[in-house]
Amino acid sequence: MLLSLEGLEKRFGGVTAVSDLSMHVRRGSIHGLIGPNGAGKTTIINLLTGLYTADGGAITFDGTSLVGLAPPDIAALGIARTYQNVRLFKGMTALEQVVTGCWLRRGVSLWASFIGLAEARRAKKATEAHAMALLERVGMAGRAHELAETLSYGEQRRIELARALGSDPKLLLLDEPTAGMNASEASAIGHLIRELRGQGLTVLLVEHNMGLVTEFCDTCTVINFGRLLAEGDPHTCLSAPDVQEAYFGRRHDADRIQSLR
């Protein structure tokens, strides 16, 4: 397993957001993390990236414990993420946005960059070439020199994805990457994620679009109120009674809703 969570706990005051949660993500897979609103999905992503510190349990990534590590250290180990809401910098082109995600690759000091040493100039050129290759990878090379805020929502999502790839991660955490997209746009992102998996990347996908999860995820984990409901094949998980109840309410309500489709 590339990523393992064992007995993970996170509390905010008197509220338990994640409770005794165990989850496993296989290397080279697309793993869905799903659950109703408020289930604790983004909290888990924040725990994995060091924005929150776990109150108990273990997080192991590629043989290394992540508990207590700072976000830059976790990023350096090979974890990158996107956010629920697009977070791009105003006044920057698509290429410049992606360059900011390549900072782990620079390998030169801030001082060398400031005074313009030859090694810094070479690193800058190499970083820009890498960023352009990433834009090509997500189908946005043709918009590289346009201001990111002038692009469509779906295009901005692709730029954000390219920026996350800038550090050459082993694990990519995608927090609702198709939120606000129509079916065609969401499917295109799904195919892009599958292509990235085919290139050796492991993806943990937080998503409300169940069609996307069942079509593109190899495995999934379902949580509710921070607790594990099911883990395994997406179709099997989504048909489990506890999962149906979490999404639709009482079991007979779920059956009635399904009958109306």
C-alpha atoms as a PDB file:
ATOM      1  CA  MET A   1       0.000   0.000   0.000  1.00  0.00           C
ATOM      2  CA  LEU A   2       1.207   3.497  -0.778  1.00  0.00           C
ATOM      3  CA  LEU A   3      -0.977   5.134   1.879  1.00  0.00           C
ATOM      4  CA  SER A   4      -2.399   3.637   5.077  1.00  0.00           C
ATOM      5  CA  LEU A   5      -4.502   5.249   7.790  1.00  0.00           C
ATOM      6  CA  GLU A   6      -4.928   3.269  11.000  1.00  0.00           C
ATOM      7  CA  GLY A   7      -7.259   4.324  13.824  1.00  0.00           C
ATOM      8  CA  LEU A   8      -7.106   7.971  12.761  1.00  0.00           C
ATOM      9  CA  GLU A   9      -8.697  10.504  15.140  1.00  0.00           C
ATOM     10  CA  LYS A  10      -9.334  14.233  14.814  1.00  0.00           C
ATOM     11  CA  ARG A  11     -11.333  16.402  17.205  1.00  0.00           C
ATOM     12  CA  PHE A  12     -12.275  20.067  17.136  1.00  0.00           C
ATOM     13  CA  GLY A  13     -13.241  20.970  20.682  1.00  0.00           C
ATOM     14  CA  GLY A  14     -16.111  18.674  21.605  1.00  0.00           C
ATOM     15  CA  VAL A  15     -16.733  17.611  17.993  1.00  0.00           C
ATOM     16  CA  THR A  16     -15.131  14.434  16.664  1.00  0.00           C
ATOM     17  CA  ALA A  17     -14.547  14.940  12.928  1.00  0.00           C
ATOM     18  CA  VAL A  18     -12.674  11.674  12.304  1.00  0.00           C
ATOM     19  CA  SER A  19     -13.123   8.660  14.552  1.00  0.00           C
ATOM     20  CA  ASP A  20     -11.040   5.445  14.561  1.00  0.00           C
ATOM     21  CA  LEU A  21     -10.737   5.562  10.774  1.00  0.00           C
ATOM     22  CA  SER A  22      -8.650   3.049   8.872  1.00  0.00           C
ATOM     23  CA  MET A  23      -8.199   3.373   5.104  1.00  0.00           C
ATOM     24  CA  HIS A  24      -5.776   1.973   2.554  1.00  0.00           C
ATOM     25  CA  VAL A  25      -4.813   3.282  -0.881  1.00  0.00           C
ATOM     26  CA  ARG A  26      -3.042   0.915  -3.241  1.00  0.00           C
ATOM     27  CA  ARG A  27      -0.079   2.207  -5.225  1.00  0.00           C
ATOM     28  CA  GLY A  28      -0.994   3.032  -8.828  1.00  0.00           C
ATOM     29  CA  SER A  29      -4.749   3.188  -8.193  1.00  0.00           C
ATOM     30  CA  ILE A  30      -7.540   5.738  -8.325  1.00  0.00           C
ATOM     31  CA  HIS A  31      -9.149   5.547  -4.897  1.00  0.00           C
ATOM     32  CA  GLY A  32     -12.376   7.392  -4.178  1.00  0.00           C
ATOM     33  CA  LEU A  33     -13.118   8.965  -0.796  1.00  0.00           C
ATOM     34  CA  ILE A  34     -16.845   9.592  -0.596  1.00  0.00           C
ATOM     35  CA  GLY A  35     -19.573  10.360   1.896  1.00  0.00           C
ATOM     36  CA  PRO A  36     -22.404  12.824   2.553  1.00  0.00           C
ATOM     37  CA  ASN A  37     -21.745  16.504   3.208  1.00  0.00           C
ATOM     38  CA  GLY A  38     -19.957  16.944   6.516  1.00  0.00           C
ATOM     39  CA  ALA A  39     -18.695  13.355   6.566  1.00  0.00           C
ATOM     40  CA  GLY A  40     -15.098  14.449   7.204  1.00  0.00           C
ATOM     41  CA  LYS A  41     -13.573  14.031   3.738  1.00  0.00           C
ATOM     42  CA  THR A  42     -11.781  17.386   3.533  1.00  0.00           C
ATOM     43  CA  THR A  43     -10.635  16.986   7.136  1.00  0.00           C
ATOM     44  CA  ILE A  44      -8.881  13.783   6.075  1.00  0.00           C
ATOM     45  CA  ILE A  45      -7.197  15.564   3.170  1.00  0.00           C
ATOM     46  CA  ASN A  46      -6.041  18.284   5.562  1.00  0.00           C
ATOM     47  CA  LEU A  47      -4.641  15.637   7.906  1.00  0.00           C
ATOM     48  CA  LEU A  48      -2.784  13.977   5.046  1.00  0.00           C
ATOM     49  CA  THR A  49      -1.186  17.250   3.969  1.00  0.00           C
ATOM     50  CA  GLY A  50      -0.249  18.469   7.447  1.00  0.00           C
ATOM     51  CA  LEU A  51      -2.696  21.362   7.666  1.00  0.00           C
ATOM     52  CA  TYR A  52      -4.253  19.558  10.643  1.00  0.00           C
ATOM     53  CA  THR A  53      -2.489  17.400  13.207  1.00  0.00           C
ATOM     54  CA  ALA A  54      -4.068  14.078  14.109  1.00  0.00           C
ATOM     55  CA  ASP A  55      -5.185  13.547  17.703  1.00  0.00           C
ATOM     56  CA  GLY A  56      -4.575   9.825  17.437  1.00  0.00           C
ATOM     57  CA  GLY A  57      -3.811   6.977  15.080  1.00  0.00           C
ATOM     58  CA  ALA A  58      -1.252   6.567  12.321  1.00  0.00           C
ATOM     59  CA  ILE A  59      -0.761   7.860   8.782  1.00  0.00           C
ATOM     60  CA  THR A  60       1.901   6.033   6.786  1.00  0.00           C
ATOM     61  CA  PHE A  61       2.931   7.110   3.303  1.00  0.00           C
ATOM     62  CA  ASP A  62       5.383   5.006   1.325  1.00  0.00           C
ATOM     63  CA  GLY A  63       6.803   3.634   4.572  1.00  0.00           C
ATOM     64  CA  THR A  64       7.105   7.014   6.338  1.00  0.00           C
ATOM     65  CA  SER A  65       4.895   8.309   9.153  1.00  0.00           C
ATOM     66  CA  LEU A  66       3.253  11.635   8.318  1.00  0.00           C
ATOM     67  CA  VAL A  67       1.983  12.382  11.822  1.00  0.00           C
ATOM     68  CA  GLY A  68       3.531  15.613  13.096  1.00  0.00           C
ATOM     69  CA  LEU A  69       5.227  16.561   9.822  1.00  0.00           C
ATOM     70  CA  ALA A  70       4.873  20.093   8.427  1.00  0.00           C
ATOM     71  CA  PRO A  71       3.163  20.623   5.047  1.00  0.00           C
ATOM     72  CA  PRO A  72       6.431  21.371   3.152  1.00  0.00           C
ATOM     73  CA  ASP A  73       7.979  18.148   4.460  1.00  0.00           C
ATOM     74  CA  ILE A  74       4.937  16.145   3.405  1.00  0.00           C
ATOM     75  CA  ALA A  75       4.997  17.769  -0.040  1.00  0.00           C
ATOM     76  CA  ALA A  76       8.678  16.871  -0.370  1.00  0.00           C
ATOM     77  CA  LEU A  77       7.821  13.218   0.313  1.00  0.00           C
ATOM     78  CA  GLY A  78       5.580  13.219  -2.762  1.00  0.00           C
ATOM     79  CA  ILE A  79       2.044  14.353  -1.882  1.00  0.00           C
ATOM     80  CA  ALA A  80       0.251  17.176  -3.707  1.00  0.00           C
ATOM     81  CA  ARG A  81      -3.345  18.383  -3.593  1.00  0.00           C
ATOM     82  CA  THR A  82      -6.028  20.545  -5.134  1.00  0.00           C
ATOM     83  CA  TYR A  83      -8.858  22.274  -3.258  1.00  0.00           C
ATOM     84  CA  GLN A  84     -12.647  22.290  -3.345  1.00  0.00           C
ATOM     85  CA  ASN A  85     -12.611  25.846  -4.651  1.00  0.00           C
ATOM     86  CA  VAL A  86     -10.246  26.993  -7.389  1.00  0.00           C
ATOM     87  CA  ARG A  87      -7.291  28.792  -5.785  1.00  0.00           C
ATOM     88  CA  LEU A  88      -5.330  30.495  -8.537  1.00  0.00           C
ATOM     89  CA  PHE A  89      -3.274  33.674  -8.199  1.00  0.00           C
ATOM     90  CA  LYS A  90      -4.713  36.813  -9.754  1.00  0.00           C
ATOM     91  CA  GLY A  91      -2.681  38.583 -12.424  1.00  0.00           C
ATOM     92  CA  MET A  92      -0.702  35.487 -13.393  1.00  0.00           C
ATOM     93  CA  THR A  93      -0.756  33.553 -16.640  1.00  0.00           C
ATOM     94  CA  ALA A  94      -1.529  29.868 -16.812  1.00  0.00           C
ATOM     95  CA  LEU A  95       2.186  29.134 -17.240  1.00  0.00           C
ATOM     96  CA  GLU A  96       3.148  31.288 -14.266  1.00  0.00           C
ATOM     97  CA  GLN A  97       0.532  29.507 -12.131  1.00  0.00           C
ATOM     98  CA  VAL A  98       2.096  26.136 -12.907  1.00  0.00           C
ATOM     99  CA  VAL A  99       5.640  27.415 -12.353  1.00  0.00           C
ATOM    100  CA  THR A 100       4.688  28.222  -8.754  1.00  0.00           C
ATOM    101  CA  GLY A 101       3.877  24.540  -8.252  1.00  0.00           C
ATOM    102  CA  CYS A 102       7.349  23.495  -9.399  1.00  0.00           C
ATOM    103  CA  TRP A 103       9.238  25.103  -6.496  1.00  0.00           C
ATOM    104  CA  LEU A 104      10.408  21.745  -5.121  1.00  0.00           C
ATOM    105  CA  ARG A 105      12.244  21.109  -8.395  1.00  0.00           C
ATOM    106  CA  ARG A 106      14.251  24.363  -8.494  1.00  0.00           C
ATOM    107  CA  GLY A 107      17.215  23.157  -6.433  1.00  0.00           C
ATOM    108  CA  VAL A 108      18.717  26.654  -6.095  1.00  0.00           C
ATOM    109  CA  SER A 109      18.699  29.095  -3.208  1.00  0.00           C
ATOM    110  CA  LEU A 110      16.505  32.160  -2.988  1.00  0.00           C
ATOM    111  CA  TRP A 111      19.694  34.274  -2.874  1.00  0.00           C
ATOM    112  CA  ALA A 112      20.987  32.761  -6.132  1.00  0.00           C
ATOM    113  CA  SER A 113      17.655  33.529  -7.779  1.00  0.00           C
ATOM    114  CA  PHE A 114      17.646  37.080  -6.393  1.00  0.00           C
ATOM    115  CA  ILE A 115      21.060  38.046  -7.749  1.00  0.00           C
ATOM    116  CA  GLY A 116      20.533  36.187 -11.016  1.00  0.00           C
ATOM    117  CA  LEU A 117      23.333  33.617 -10.890  1.00  0.00           C
ATOM    118  CA  ALA A 118      23.786  31.455 -13.990  1.00  0.00           C
ATOM    119  CA  GLU A 119      22.610  28.359 -12.146  1.00  0.00           C
ATOM    120  CA  ALA A 120      19.412  30.176 -11.159  1.00  0.00           C
ATOM    121  CA  ARG A 121      18.798  31.254 -14.749  1.00  0.00           C
ATOM    122  CA  ARG A 122      19.249  27.682 -15.939  1.00  0.00           C
ATOM    123  CA  ALA A 123      16.895  26.425 -13.224  1.00  0.00           C
ATOM    124  CA  LYS A 124      14.291  29.027 -14.200  1.00  0.00           C
ATOM    125  CA  LYS A 125      14.429  27.976 -17.842  1.00  0.00           C
ATOM    126  CA  ALA A 126      14.153  24.294 -16.933  1.00  0.00           C
ATOM    127  CA  THR A 127      11.245  24.979 -14.588  1.00  0.00           C
ATOM    128  CA  GLU A 128       9.338  26.884 -17.253  1.00  0.00           C
ATOM    129  CA  ALA A 129       9.894  24.047 -19.727  1.00  0.00           C
ATOM    130  CA  HIS A 130       8.608  21.561 -17.171  1.00  0.00           C
ATOM    131  CA  ALA A 131       5.567  23.745 -16.468  1.00  0.00           C
ATOM    132  CA  MET A 132       4.797  23.958 -20.183  1.00  0.00           C
ATOM    133  CA  ALA A 133       5.029  20.162 -20.441  1.00  0.00           C
ATOM    134  CA  LEU A 134       2.528  19.876 -17.589  1.00  0.00           C
ATOM    135  CA  LEU A 135       0.123  22.244 -19.342  1.00  0.00           C
ATOM    136  CA  GLU A 136       0.456  20.043 -22.420  1.00  0.00           C
ATOM    137  CA  ARG A 137      -0.266  17.043 -20.226  1.00  0.00           C
ATOM    138  CA  VAL A 138      -3.612  18.513 -19.108  1.00  0.00           C
ATOM    139  CA  GLY A 139      -4.528  19.915 -22.517  1.00  0.00           C
ATOM    140  CA  MET A 140      -3.862  23.584 -21.728  1.00  0.00           C
ATOM    141  CA  ALA A 141      -0.574  24.364 -23.483  1.00  0.00           C
ATOM    142  CA  GLY A 142      -2.389  26.529 -26.017  1.00  0.00           C
ATOM    143  CA  ARG A 143      -3.553  28.874 -23.236  1.00  0.00           C
ATOM    144  CA  ALA A 144      -0.205  29.071 -21.432  1.00  0.00           C
ATOM    145  CA  HIS A 145       0.258  32.836 -21.797  1.00  0.00           C
ATOM    146  CA  GLU A 146      -3.302  33.895 -21.011  1.00  0.00           C
ATOM    147  CA  LEU A 147      -4.301  35.251 -17.620  1.00  0.00           C
ATOM    148  CA  ALA A 148      -5.732  32.377 -15.635  1.00  0.00           C
ATOM    149  CA  GLU A 149      -8.702  34.379 -14.362  1.00  0.00           C
ATOM    150  CA  THR A 150      -9.901  34.953 -17.941  1.00  0.00           C
ATOM    151  CA  LEU A 151     -10.246  31.231 -18.612  1.00  0.00           C
ATOM    152  CA  SER A 152     -13.331  29.113 -18.095  1.00  0.00           C
ATOM    153  CA  TYR A 153     -13.982  27.348 -14.806  1.00  0.00           C
ATOM    154  CA  GLY A 154     -13.122  23.953 -16.284  1.00  0.00           C
ATOM    155  CA  GLU A 155      -9.887  25.314 -17.760  1.00  0.00           C
ATOM    156  CA  GLN A 156      -8.930  26.830 -14.415  1.00  0.00           C
ATOM    157  CA  ARG A 157      -9.456  23.434 -12.816  1.00  0.00           C
ATOM    158  CA  ARG A 158      -7.038  21.914 -15.334  1.00  0.00           C
ATOM    159  CA  ILE A 159      -4.449  24.592 -14.578  1.00  0.00           C
ATOM    160  CA  GLU A 160      -4.801  23.897 -10.871  1.00  0.00           C
ATOM    161  CA  LEU A 161      -4.277  20.205 -11.597  1.00  0.00           C
ATOM    162  CA  ALA A 162      -1.155  20.969 -13.642  1.00  0.00           C
ATOM    163  CA  ARG A 163       0.168  23.121 -10.789  1.00  0.00           C
ATOM    164  CA  ALA A 164      -0.326  20.250  -8.334  1.00  0.00           C
ATOM    165  CA  LEU A 165       1.650  18.002 -10.670  1.00  0.00           C
ATOM    166  CA  GLY A 166       4.534  20.476 -10.636  1.00  0.00           C
ATOM    167  CA  SER A 167       6.266  18.814  -7.691  1.00  0.00           C
ATOM    168  CA  ASP A 168       6.182  15.385  -9.394  1.00  0.00           C
ATOM    169  CA  PRO A 169       4.061  13.807  -6.647  1.00  0.00           C
ATOM    170  CA  LYS A 170       3.603  10.108  -6.035  1.00  0.00           C
ATOM    171  CA  LEU A 171       0.128  10.732  -4.602  1.00  0.00           C
ATOM    172  CA  LEU A 172      -2.294  13.355  -5.881  1.00  0.00           C
ATOM    173  CA  LEU A 173      -5.177  14.380  -3.599  1.00  0.00           C
ATOM    174  CA  LEU A 174      -8.095  15.823  -5.565  1.00  0.00           C
ATOM    175  CA  ASP A 175     -10.774  17.536  -3.472  1.00  0.00           C
ATOM    176  CA  GLU A 176     -13.946  17.593  -5.604  1.00  0.00           C
ATOM    177  CA  PRO A 177     -12.187  18.400  -8.903  1.00  0.00           C
ATOM    178  CA  THR A 178     -15.449  18.308 -10.907  1.00  0.00           C
ATOM    179  CA  ALA A 179     -17.556  20.493  -8.595  1.00  0.00           C
ATOM    180  CA  GLY A 180     -19.619  22.917 -10.682  1.00  0.00           C
ATOM    181  CA  MET A 181     -18.977  21.073 -13.944  1.00  0.00           C
ATOM    182  CA  ASN A 182     -21.519  19.627 -16.332  1.00  0.00           C
ATOM    183  CA  ALA A 183     -21.508  15.917 -17.198  1.00  0.00           C
ATOM    184  CA  SER A 184     -19.275  16.332 -20.246  1.00  0.00           C
ATOM    185  CA  GLU A 185     -16.693  18.422 -18.403  1.00  0.00           C
ATOM    186  CA  ALA A 186     -16.688  16.013 -15.449  1.00  0.00           C
ATOM    187  CA  SER A 187     -16.187  13.013 -17.726  1.00  0.00           C
ATOM    188  CA  ALA A 188     -13.249  14.745 -19.416  1.00  0.00           C
ATOM    189  CA  ILE A 189     -11.615  15.271 -16.013  1.00  0.00           C
ATOM    190  CA  GLY A 190     -12.264  11.618 -15.194  1.00  0.00           C
ATOM    191  CA  HIS A 191     -10.483  10.512 -18.360  1.00  0.00           C
ATOM    192  CA  LEU A 192      -7.598  12.860 -17.559  1.00  0.00           C
ATOM    193  CA  ILE A 193      -7.272  11.359 -14.077  1.00  0.00           C
ATOM    194  CA  ARG A 194      -7.241   7.889 -15.609  1.00  0.00           C
ATOM    195  CA  GLU A 195      -4.460   8.971 -17.983  1.00  0.00           C
ATOM    196  CA  LEU A 196      -2.437  10.245 -15.026  1.00  0.00           C
ATOM    197  CA  ARG A 197      -2.921   6.918 -13.260  1.00  0.00           C
ATOM    198  CA  GLY A 198      -1.704   5.210 -16.419  1.00  0.00           C
ATOM    199  CA  GLN A 199       1.479   7.282 -16.177  1.00  0.00           C
ATOM    200  CA  GLY A 200       2.210   5.900 -12.709  1.00  0.00           C
ATOM    201  CA  LEU A 201       0.442   8.385 -10.441  1.00  0.00           C
ATOM    202  CA  THR A 202      -1.715   7.322  -7.490  1.00  0.00           C
ATOM    203  CA  VAL A 203      -4.863   9.407  -7.005  1.00  0.00           C
ATOM    204  CA  LEU A 204      -7.090   9.871  -3.954  1.00  0.00           C
ATOM    205  CA  LEU A 205     -10.304  11.396  -5.279  1.00  0.00           C
ATOM    206  CA  VAL A 206     -12.808  13.163  -3.021  1.00  0.00           C
ATOM    207  CA  GLU A 207     -15.964  13.410  -5.085  1.00  0.00           C
ATOM    208  CA  HIS A 208     -19.746  13.820  -4.830  1.00  0.00           C
ATOM    209  CA  ASN A 209     -20.315  12.672  -8.414  1.00  0.00           C
ATOM    210  CA  MET A 210     -21.108   9.001  -7.895  1.00  0.00           C
ATOM    211  CA  GLY A 211     -21.125   8.323 -11.626  1.00  0.00           C
ATOM    212  CA  LEU A 212     -17.539   9.540 -11.796  1.00  0.00           C
ATOM    213  CA  VAL A 213     -16.549   7.371  -8.835  1.00  0.00           C
ATOM    214  CA  THR A 214     -18.095   4.195 -10.224  1.00  0.00           C
ATOM    215  CA  GLU A 215     -16.683   4.755 -13.709  1.00  0.00           C
ATOM    216  CA  PHE A 216     -13.139   5.821 -12.898  1.00  0.00           C
ATOM    217  CA  CYS A 217     -12.226   4.649  -9.372  1.00  0.00           C
ATOM    218  CA  ASP A 218     -10.618   1.251  -8.818  1.00  0.00           C
ATOM    219  CA  THR A 219     -11.566   1.204  -5.141  1.00  0.00           C
ATOM    220  CA  CYS A 220     -13.250   3.552  -2.710  1.00  0.00           C
ATOM    221  CA  THR A 221     -13.752   4.334   0.957  1.00  0.00           C
ATOM    222  CA  VAL A 222     -17.115   5.548   2.223  1.00  0.00           C
ATOM    223  CA  ILE A 223     -17.297   7.515   5.467  1.00  0.00           C
ATOM    224  CA  ASN A 224     -20.009   9.216   7.478  1.00  0.00           C
ATOM    225  CA  PHE A 225     -19.500  11.398  10.557  1.00  0.00           C
ATOM    226  CA  GLY A 226     -15.806  10.570  10.293  1.00  0.00           C
ATOM    227  CA  ARG A 227     -16.355   6.821  10.594  1.00  0.00           C
ATOM    228  CA  LEU A 228     -15.758   4.080   8.066  1.00  0.00           C
ATOM    229  CA  LEU A 229     -18.890   2.694   6.406  1.00  0.00           C
ATOM    230  CA  ALA A 230     -17.423   0.634   3.583  1.00  0.00           C
ATOM    231  CA  GLU A 231     -14.254   0.094   1.592  1.00  0.00           C
ATOM    232  CA  GLY A 232     -13.609  -1.819  -1.621  1.00  0.00           C
ATOM    233  CA  ASP A 233     -15.203  -1.981  -5.058  1.00  0.00           C
ATOM    234  CA  PRO A 234     -17.222   1.220  -5.700  1.00  0.00           C
ATOM    235  CA  HIS A 235     -20.357  -0.579  -6.930  1.00  0.00           C
ATOM    236  CA  THR A 236     -20.349  -2.926  -3.935  1.00  0.00           C
ATOM    237  CA  CYS A 237     -19.765  -0.082  -1.476  1.00  0.00           C
ATOM    238  CA  LEU A 238     -22.550   2.077  -2.875  1.00  0.00           C
ATOM    239  CA  SER A 239     -25.052  -0.766  -2.681  1.00  0.00           C
ATOM    240  CA  ALA A 240     -24.300  -1.489   0.991  1.00  0.00           C
ATOM    241  CA  PRO A 241     -27.318  -0.791   3.269  1.00  0.00           C
ATOM    242  CA  ASP A 242     -25.336   1.493   5.609  1.00  0.00           C
ATOM    243  CA  VAL A 243     -24.124   3.570   2.663  1.00  0.00           C
ATOM    244  CA  GLN A 244     -27.614   3.786   1.167  1.00  0.00           C
ATOM    245  CA  GLU A 245     -28.970   4.962   4.495  1.00  0.00           C
ATOM    246  CA  ALA A 246     -26.219   7.569   4.883  1.00  0.00           C
ATOM    247  CA  TYR A 247     -27.005   9.079   1.495  1.00  0.00           C
ATOM    248  CA  PHE A 248     -30.777   8.686   1.312  1.00  0.00           C
ATOM    249  CA  GLY A 249     -32.034   8.295   4.869  1.00  0.00           C
ATOM    250  CA  ARG A 250     -34.015   5.245   5.864  1.00  0.00           C
ATOM    251  CA  ARG A 251     -33.579   2.158   3.693  1.00  0.00           C
ATOM    252  CA  HIS A 252     -37.098   2.165   2.257  1.00  0.00           C
ATOM    253  CA  ASP A 253     -36.616   5.816   1.287  1.00  0.00           C
ATOM    254  CA  ALA A 254     -33.560   4.804  -0.723  1.00  0.00           C
ATOM    255  CA  ASP A 255     -35.524   2.058  -2.465  1.00  0.00           C
ATOM    256  CA  ARG A 256     -38.274   4.530  -3.305  1.00  0.00           C
ATOM    257  CA  ILE A 257     -35.816   7.040  -4.734  1.00  0.00           C
ATOM    258  CA  GLN A 258     -34.137   4.358  -6.824  1.00  0.00           C
ATOM    259  CA  SER A 259     -37.519   3.231  -8.189  1.00  0.00           C
ATOM    260  CA  LEU A 260     -38.232   6.743  -9.438  1.00  0.00           C
ATOM    261  CA  ARG A 261     -35.080   6.853 -11.577  1.00  0.00           C
END
